Amino acid sequence: MILNFIFGYLLVGFILSLFMNATLWAFHKPILSISESIATIILWPTVMVSFLNSYYGYTDADND
């Protein structure tokens, strides 16, 4: 059961990393380095929240 969760979690991160690299490559930007790709695979929920916050312009209300 836990192995299914770990496999699914890492699979989602891997797919997100591939998507990000393909998007960066399409816009002629530098693709993610190895360490950035590994961080994206392992920390993909944080990457998604950070991306959505920057896309929609949310800021941390505690810092105001």
N, C-alpha and C. Protein backbone atom coordinates (compact mmCIF):
# COMPACT_ATOMS: atom_id res chain seq x y z
N MET A 1 0.83 -1.19 0.00
CA MET A 1 0.00 0.00 0.00
C MET A 1 0.87 1.26 0.00
N ILE A 2 1.85 1.30 0.88
CA ILE A 2 2.70 2.48 0.95
C ILE A 2 3.58 2.57 -0.30
N LEU A 3 3.97 1.42 -0.85
CA LEU A 3 4.78 1.44 -2.08
C LEU A 3 3.98 2.02 -3.25
N ASN A 4 2.68 1.74 -3.29
CA ASN A 4 1.83 2.32 -4.33
C ASN A 4 1.79 3.84 -4.20
N PHE A 5 1.69 4.32 -2.97
CA PHE A 5 1.67 5.76 -2.74
C PHE A 5 2.99 6.39 -3.17
N ILE A 6 4.10 5.80 -2.76
CA ILE A 6 5.42 6.34 -3.11
C ILE A 6 5.61 6.32 -4.62
N PHE A 7 5.24 5.22 -5.26
CA PHE A 7 5.37 5.13 -6.71
C PHE A 7 4.51 6.19 -7.41
N GLY A 8 3.28 6.36 -6.96
CA GLY A 8 2.39 7.36 -7.56
C GLY A 8 2.90 8.78 -7.33
N TYR A 9 3.38 9.04 -6.13
CA TYR A 9 3.92 10.36 -5.78
C TYR A 9 5.11 10.71 -6.68
N LEU A 10 6.05 9.77 -6.80
CA LEU A 10 7.23 10.02 -7.64
C LEU A 10 6.87 10.08 -9.12
N LEU A 11 5.88 9.32 -9.54
CA LEU A 11 5.44 9.36 -10.94
C LEU A 11 4.84 10.72 -11.29
N VAL A 12 4.03 11.26 -10.41
CA VAL A 12 3.47 12.59 -10.64
C VAL A 12 4.58 13.63 -10.72
N GLY A 13 5.55 13.54 -9.81
CA GLY A 13 6.68 14.46 -9.84
C GLY A 13 7.50 14.33 -11.11
N PHE A 14 7.71 13.11 -11.57
CA PHE A 14 8.47 12.88 -12.80
C PHE A 14 7.75 13.46 -14.00
N ILE A 15 6.45 13.26 -14.06
CA ILE A 15 5.66 13.81 -15.17
C ILE A 15 5.68 15.34 -15.13
N LEU A 16 5.57 15.93 -13.95
CA LEU A 16 5.65 17.38 -13.82
C LEU A 16 7.01 17.90 -14.26
N SER A 17 8.07 17.19 -13.88
CA SER A 17 9.42 17.59 -14.28
C SER A 17 9.57 17.54 -15.80
N LEU A 18 9.07 16.47 -16.42
CA LEU A 18 9.13 16.38 -17.88
C LEU A 18 8.34 17.50 -18.54
N PHE A 19 7.16 17.79 -18.01
CA PHE A 19 6.33 18.87 -18.56
C PHE A 19 7.05 20.21 -18.45
N MET A 20 7.66 20.47 -17.29
CA MET A 20 8.37 21.74 -17.10
C MET A 20 9.56 21.84 -18.05
N ASN A 21 10.31 20.75 -18.22
CA ASN A 21 11.44 20.77 -19.13
C ASN A 21 10.99 20.98 -20.58
N ALA A 22 9.90 20.33 -20.97
CA ALA A 22 9.39 20.50 -22.33
C ALA A 22 8.90 21.93 -22.56
N THR A 23 8.25 22.50 -21.56
CA THR A 23 7.78 23.88 -21.69
C THR A 23 8.95 24.86 -21.79
N LEU A 24 9.94 24.67 -20.95
CA LEU A 24 11.12 25.55 -21.01
C LEU A 24 11.85 25.39 -22.33
N TRP A 25 11.97 24.16 -22.82
CA TRP A 25 12.64 23.91 -24.09
C TRP A 25 11.87 24.57 -25.24
N ALA A 26 10.54 24.53 -25.18
CA ALA A 26 9.71 25.11 -26.24
C ALA A 26 9.86 26.63 -26.30
N PHE A 27 10.11 27.26 -25.17
CA PHE A 27 10.27 28.71 -25.14
C PHE A 27 11.74 29.13 -25.20
N HIS A 28 12.62 28.20 -25.57
CA HIS A 28 14.05 28.46 -25.74
C HIS A 28 14.68 29.02 -24.47
N LYS A 29 14.29 28.47 -23.34
CA LYS A 29 14.87 28.84 -22.04
C LYS A 29 15.76 27.68 -21.60
N PRO A 30 16.67 27.94 -20.67
CA PRO A 30 17.48 26.82 -20.16
C PRO A 30 16.60 25.81 -19.42
N ILE A 31 16.80 24.53 -19.72
CA ILE A 31 15.99 23.51 -19.05
C ILE A 31 16.51 23.30 -17.63
N LEU A 32 15.75 22.56 -16.83
CA LEU A 32 16.11 22.33 -15.44
C LEU A 32 17.40 21.51 -15.35
N SER A 33 18.24 21.87 -14.39
CA SER A 33 19.44 21.07 -14.16
C SER A 33 19.04 19.77 -13.47
N ILE A 34 20.01 18.89 -13.28
CA ILE A 34 19.73 17.60 -12.64
C ILE A 34 19.19 17.81 -11.22
N SER A 35 19.84 18.69 -10.46
CA SER A 35 19.38 18.90 -9.08
C SER A 35 18.00 19.55 -9.04
N GLU A 36 17.71 20.45 -9.98
CA GLU A 36 16.38 21.06 -10.05
C GLU A 36 15.33 20.03 -10.45
N SER A 37 15.68 19.13 -11.35
CA SER A 37 14.74 18.07 -11.74
C SER A 37 14.45 17.14 -10.58
N ILE A 38 15.48 16.77 -9.82
CA ILE A 38 15.28 15.90 -8.67
C ILE A 38 14.42 16.60 -7.62
N ALA A 39 14.68 17.89 -7.39
CA ALA A 39 13.88 18.64 -6.44
C ALA A 39 12.43 18.73 -6.90
N THR A 40 12.21 18.89 -8.19
CA THR A 40 10.85 18.95 -8.72
C THR A 40 10.14 17.61 -8.52
N ILE A 41 10.86 16.52 -8.74
CA ILE A 41 10.26 15.19 -8.58
C ILE A 41 9.89 14.93 -7.12
N ILE A 42 10.77 15.30 -6.20
CA ILE A 42 10.54 15.00 -4.78
C ILE A 42 9.60 16.02 -4.14
N LEU A 43 9.74 17.28 -4.49
CA LEU A 43 8.97 18.35 -3.84
C LEU A 43 7.88 18.91 -4.74
N TRP A 44 7.26 18.09 -5.58
CA TRP A 44 6.32 18.61 -6.57
C TRP A 44 5.12 19.34 -5.97
N PRO A 45 4.60 19.00 -4.80
CA PRO A 45 3.49 19.81 -4.27
C PRO A 45 3.91 21.26 -4.00
N THR A 46 5.12 21.44 -3.48
CA THR A 46 5.62 22.79 -3.22
C THR A 46 5.84 23.54 -4.52
N VAL A 47 6.33 22.85 -5.54
CA VAL A 47 6.54 23.47 -6.85
C VAL A 47 5.21 23.94 -7.43
N MET A 48 4.18 23.10 -7.32
CA MET A 48 2.87 23.48 -7.85
C MET A 48 2.28 24.68 -7.11
N VAL A 49 2.37 24.70 -5.79
CA VAL A 49 1.84 25.82 -5.01
C VAL A 49 2.60 27.09 -5.35
N SER A 50 3.92 27.02 -5.45
CA SER A 50 4.72 28.19 -5.79
C SER A 50 4.37 28.72 -7.18
N PHE A 51 4.20 27.78 -8.14
CA PHE A 51 3.85 28.19 -9.49
C PHE A 51 2.48 28.87 -9.52
N LEU A 52 1.50 28.27 -8.85
CA LEU A 52 0.16 28.85 -8.84
C LEU A 52 0.13 30.20 -8.13
N ASN A 53 0.88 30.33 -7.05
CA ASN A 53 0.93 31.61 -6.35
C ASN A 53 1.58 32.69 -7.21
N SER A 54 2.62 32.36 -7.93
CA SER A 54 3.25 33.37 -8.79
C SER A 54 2.39 33.66 -10.01
N TYR A 55 1.68 32.65 -10.52
CA TYR A 55 0.83 32.85 -11.69
C TYR A 55 -0.36 33.74 -11.38
N TYR A 56 -0.98 33.52 -10.23
CA TYR A 56 -2.17 34.29 -9.86
C TYR A 56 -1.85 35.51 -9.02
N GLY A 57 -0.59 35.71 -8.66
CA GLY A 57 -0.17 36.91 -7.95
C GLY A 57 -0.50 36.93 -6.48
N TYR A 58 -0.68 35.75 -5.87
CA TYR A 58 -0.94 35.71 -4.43
C TYR A 58 0.32 36.03 -3.66
N THR A 59 0.14 36.70 -2.54
CA THR A 59 1.26 36.98 -1.66
C THR A 59 0.94 36.43 -0.27
N ASP A 60 1.94 36.32 0.55
CA ASP A 60 1.77 35.82 1.91
C ASP A 60 1.13 36.92 2.75
N ALA A 61 -0.04 36.67 3.29
CA ALA A 61 -0.77 37.67 4.06
C ALA A 61 -0.06 37.98 5.39
N ASP A 62 0.75 37.06 5.89
CA ASP A 62 1.44 37.28 7.16
C ASP A 62 2.54 38.32 7.05
N ASN A 63 3.05 38.55 5.86
CA ASN A 63 4.15 39.51 5.68
C ASN A 63 3.69 40.92 5.40
N ASP A 64 2.39 41.14 5.36
CA ASP A 64 1.88 42.49 5.06
C ASP A 64 1.84 43.37 6.27
